[in-house]
Amino acid sequence: MSFDAASVAFREAMTETRIYLASGQRSGERDYDKEASLARFWLKASSESRRHAKRLSDVCLEMSNYWACPSDNPFEHSQEILDSIEIIFNKDREGREIMMRESKKNEGVV
């Protein structure tokens, strides 16, 4: 599992979550099949990132568990969910360090 695969899986889960939340806010209707699909996207992101960023992987697993069985209406918490995703991706020190290290490897600096 490469860093690129982990990054793609995370971004895909993040994008699909944003699309679903925006769509649900407009329609007001939940789509349980889509929520199950989001659980699988986040599970894949967790699995792909486990080797590269354990903390990020753990949070992705939490997101997977949430979407597998949300106890309340996710549209009521859309902004909180999106904010959490952004914080995880943009401000996680471990993730930044890994991205910098991988970038240097790809450039042949390391």
C-alpha atoms as a PDB file:
ATOM      1  CA  MET A   1       0.000   0.000   0.000  1.00  0.00           C
ATOM      2  CA  SER A   2       1.594   3.183  -1.175  1.00  0.00           C
ATOM      3  CA  PHE A   3       1.312   6.669   0.175  1.00  0.00           C
ATOM      4  CA  ASP A   4      -0.361   7.649  -3.106  1.00  0.00           C
ATOM      5  CA  ALA A   5      -3.019   4.948  -2.635  1.00  0.00           C
ATOM      6  CA  ALA A   6      -3.636   6.148   0.922  1.00  0.00           C
ATOM      7  CA  SER A   7      -3.929   9.752  -0.225  1.00  0.00           C
ATOM      8  CA  VAL A   8      -6.313   8.849  -3.049  1.00  0.00           C
ATOM      9  CA  ALA A   9      -8.482   6.717  -0.739  1.00  0.00           C
ATOM     10  CA  PHE A  10      -8.687   9.507   1.834  1.00  0.00           C
ATOM     11  CA  ARG A  11      -9.520  12.183  -0.728  1.00  0.00           C
ATOM     12  CA  GLU A  12     -12.144   9.936  -2.307  1.00  0.00           C
ATOM     13  CA  ALA A  13     -13.816   9.328   1.062  1.00  0.00           C
ATOM     14  CA  MET A  14     -13.672  13.030   1.836  1.00  0.00           C
ATOM     15  CA  THR A  15     -15.129  14.021  -1.556  1.00  0.00           C
ATOM     16  CA  GLU A  16     -17.914  11.435  -1.438  1.00  0.00           C
ATOM     17  CA  THR A  17     -18.815  12.593   2.083  1.00  0.00           C
ATOM     18  CA  ARG A  18     -18.983  16.228   0.975  1.00  0.00           C
ATOM     19  CA  ILE A  19     -21.157  15.317  -2.019  1.00  0.00           C
ATOM     20  CA  TYR A  20     -23.542  13.289   0.127  1.00  0.00           C
ATOM     21  CA  LEU A  21     -23.864  15.952   2.803  1.00  0.00           C
ATOM     22  CA  ALA A  22     -24.501  18.696   0.247  1.00  0.00           C
ATOM     23  CA  SER A  23     -27.070  16.571  -1.561  1.00  0.00           C
ATOM     24  CA  GLY A  24     -28.798  15.645   1.678  1.00  0.00           C
ATOM     25  CA  GLN A  25     -28.949  19.226   2.852  1.00  0.00           C
ATOM     26  CA  ARG A  26     -30.762  20.133  -0.358  1.00  0.00           C
ATOM     27  CA  SER A  27     -33.194  17.222  -0.365  1.00  0.00           C
ATOM     28  CA  GLY A  28     -33.466  16.596   3.361  1.00  0.00           C
ATOM     29  CA  GLU A  29     -33.618  12.861   2.687  1.00  0.00           C
ATOM     30  CA  ARG A  30     -31.189  10.254   3.913  1.00  0.00           C
ATOM     31  CA  ASP A  31     -29.861   7.574   1.601  1.00  0.00           C
ATOM     32  CA  TYR A  32     -28.966   4.537   3.680  1.00  0.00           C
ATOM     33  CA  ASP A  33     -27.260   2.808   0.743  1.00  0.00           C
ATOM     34  CA  LYS A  34     -25.042   5.862   0.251  1.00  0.00           C
ATOM     35  CA  GLU A  35     -24.259   5.946   3.967  1.00  0.00           C
ATOM     36  CA  ALA A  36     -23.179   2.290   3.751  1.00  0.00           C
ATOM     37  CA  SER A  37     -21.038   3.205   0.758  1.00  0.00           C
ATOM     38  CA  LEU A  38     -19.421   6.030   2.759  1.00  0.00           C
ATOM     39  CA  ALA A  39     -18.631   3.536   5.527  1.00  0.00           C
ATOM     40  CA  ARG A  40     -16.775   1.431   2.953  1.00  0.00           C
ATOM     41  CA  PHE A  41     -14.918   4.467   1.517  1.00  0.00           C
ATOM     42  CA  TRP A  42     -13.704   5.457   4.992  1.00  0.00           C
ATOM     43  CA  LEU A  43     -12.781   1.845   5.816  1.00  0.00           C
ATOM     44  CA  LYS A  44     -10.670   1.699   2.660  1.00  0.00           C
ATOM     45  CA  ALA A  45      -9.023   5.014   3.574  1.00  0.00           C
ATOM     46  CA  SER A  46      -8.261   3.611   7.031  1.00  0.00           C
ATOM     47  CA  SER A  47      -6.774   0.448   5.609  1.00  0.00           C
ATOM     48  CA  GLU A  48      -4.689   2.244   2.975  1.00  0.00           C
ATOM     49  CA  SER A  49      -3.292   4.788   5.431  1.00  0.00           C
ATOM     50  CA  ARG A  50      -2.555   2.404   8.324  1.00  0.00           C
ATOM     51  CA  ARG A  51       1.071   1.889   7.299  1.00  0.00           C
ATOM     52  CA  HIS A  52       1.740   5.575   6.672  1.00  0.00           C
ATOM     53  CA  ALA A  53      -0.250   7.467   9.292  1.00  0.00           C
ATOM     54  CA  LYS A  54      -1.743   5.466  12.156  1.00  0.00           C
ATOM     55  CA  ARG A  55      -3.533   8.428  13.732  1.00  0.00           C
ATOM     56  CA  LEU A  56      -5.176   9.345  10.441  1.00  0.00           C
ATOM     57  CA  SER A  57      -6.061   5.692   9.900  1.00  0.00           C
ATOM     58  CA  ASP A  58      -7.726   5.516  13.316  1.00  0.00           C
ATOM     59  CA  VAL A  59      -9.823   8.597  12.596  1.00  0.00           C
ATOM     60  CA  CYS A  60     -10.841   7.201   9.200  1.00  0.00           C
ATOM     61  CA  LEU A  61     -11.951   4.028  10.981  1.00  0.00           C
ATOM     62  CA  GLU A  62     -14.048   6.143  13.350  1.00  0.00           C
ATOM     63  CA  MET A  63     -15.676   7.815  10.333  1.00  0.00           C
ATOM     64  CA  SER A  64     -16.360   4.386   8.838  1.00  0.00           C
ATOM     65  CA  ASN A  65     -18.004   3.252  12.054  1.00  0.00           C
ATOM     66  CA  TYR A  66     -20.091   6.434  12.151  1.00  0.00           C
ATOM     67  CA  TRP A  67     -21.400   5.985   8.604  1.00  0.00           C
ATOM     68  CA  ALA A  68     -22.044   2.273   9.138  1.00  0.00           C
ATOM     69  CA  CYS A  69     -24.698   3.150  11.700  1.00  0.00           C
ATOM     70  CA  PRO A  70     -25.284   6.871  12.257  1.00  0.00           C
ATOM     71  CA  SER A  71     -27.436   7.279  15.339  1.00  0.00           C
ATOM     72  CA  ASP A  72     -28.788  10.656  14.311  1.00  0.00           C
ATOM     73  CA  ASN A  73     -29.415  12.663  11.187  1.00  0.00           C
ATOM     74  CA  PRO A  74     -25.995  13.432   9.672  1.00  0.00           C
ATOM     75  CA  PHE A  75     -27.359  16.506   7.891  1.00  0.00           C
ATOM     76  CA  GLU A  76     -27.849  18.167  11.259  1.00  0.00           C
ATOM     77  CA  HIS A  77     -24.099  17.795  11.849  1.00  0.00           C
ATOM     78  CA  SER A  78     -22.804  18.362   8.317  1.00  0.00           C
ATOM     79  CA  GLN A  79     -20.544  21.269   9.155  1.00  0.00           C
ATOM     80  CA  GLU A  80     -19.083  19.499  12.176  1.00  0.00           C
ATOM     81  CA  ILE A  81     -18.314  16.434  10.058  1.00  0.00           C
ATOM     82  CA  LEU A  82     -16.716  18.502   7.311  1.00  0.00           C
ATOM     83  CA  ASP A  83     -14.727  20.578   9.797  1.00  0.00           C
ATOM     84  CA  SER A  84     -13.418  17.404  11.416  1.00  0.00           C
ATOM     85  CA  ILE A  85     -12.301  16.044   8.067  1.00  0.00           C
ATOM     86  CA  GLU A  86     -10.493  19.269   7.190  1.00  0.00           C
ATOM     87  CA  ILE A  87      -8.752  19.432  10.559  1.00  0.00           C
ATOM     88  CA  ILE A  88      -7.646  15.822  10.278  1.00  0.00           C
ATOM     89  CA  PHE A  89      -6.229  16.293   6.813  1.00  0.00           C
ATOM     90  CA  ASN A  90      -4.748  19.778   7.077  1.00  0.00           C
ATOM     91  CA  LYS A  91      -3.558  20.029  10.644  1.00  0.00           C
ATOM     92  CA  ASP A  92      -2.485  16.514  11.545  1.00  0.00           C
ATOM     93  CA  ARG A  93       1.246  16.773  12.209  1.00  0.00           C
ATOM     94  CA  GLU A  94       1.896  13.113  11.506  1.00  0.00           C
ATOM     95  CA  GLY A  95       0.160  13.365   8.142  1.00  0.00           C
ATOM     96  CA  ARG A  96       2.116  16.498   7.179  1.00  0.00           C
ATOM     97  CA  GLU A  97       5.413  14.892   8.117  1.00  0.00           C
ATOM     98  CA  ILE A  98       4.610  11.833   6.047  1.00  0.00           C
ATOM     99  CA  MET A  99       3.547  13.918   3.064  1.00  0.00           C
ATOM    100  CA  MET A 100       6.791  15.905   3.239  1.00  0.00           C
ATOM    101  CA  ARG A 101       8.866  12.742   3.530  1.00  0.00           C
ATOM    102  CA  GLU A 102       7.071  11.090   0.612  1.00  0.00           C
ATOM    103  CA  SER A 103       7.446  14.217  -1.521  1.00  0.00           C
ATOM    104  CA  LYS A 104      11.190  14.213  -0.914  1.00  0.00           C
ATOM    105  CA  LYS A 105      11.384  10.524  -1.824  1.00  0.00           C
ATOM    106  CA  ASN A 106       9.495  11.162  -5.049  1.00  0.00           C
ATOM    107  CA  GLU A 107      11.891  14.004  -5.865  1.00  0.00           C
ATOM    108  CA  GLY A 108      14.904  11.826  -5.021  1.00  0.00           C
ATOM    109  CA  VAL A 109      16.019  14.094  -2.170  1.00  0.00           C
ATOM    110  CA  VAL A 110      16.066  11.408   0.540  1.00  0.00           C
END
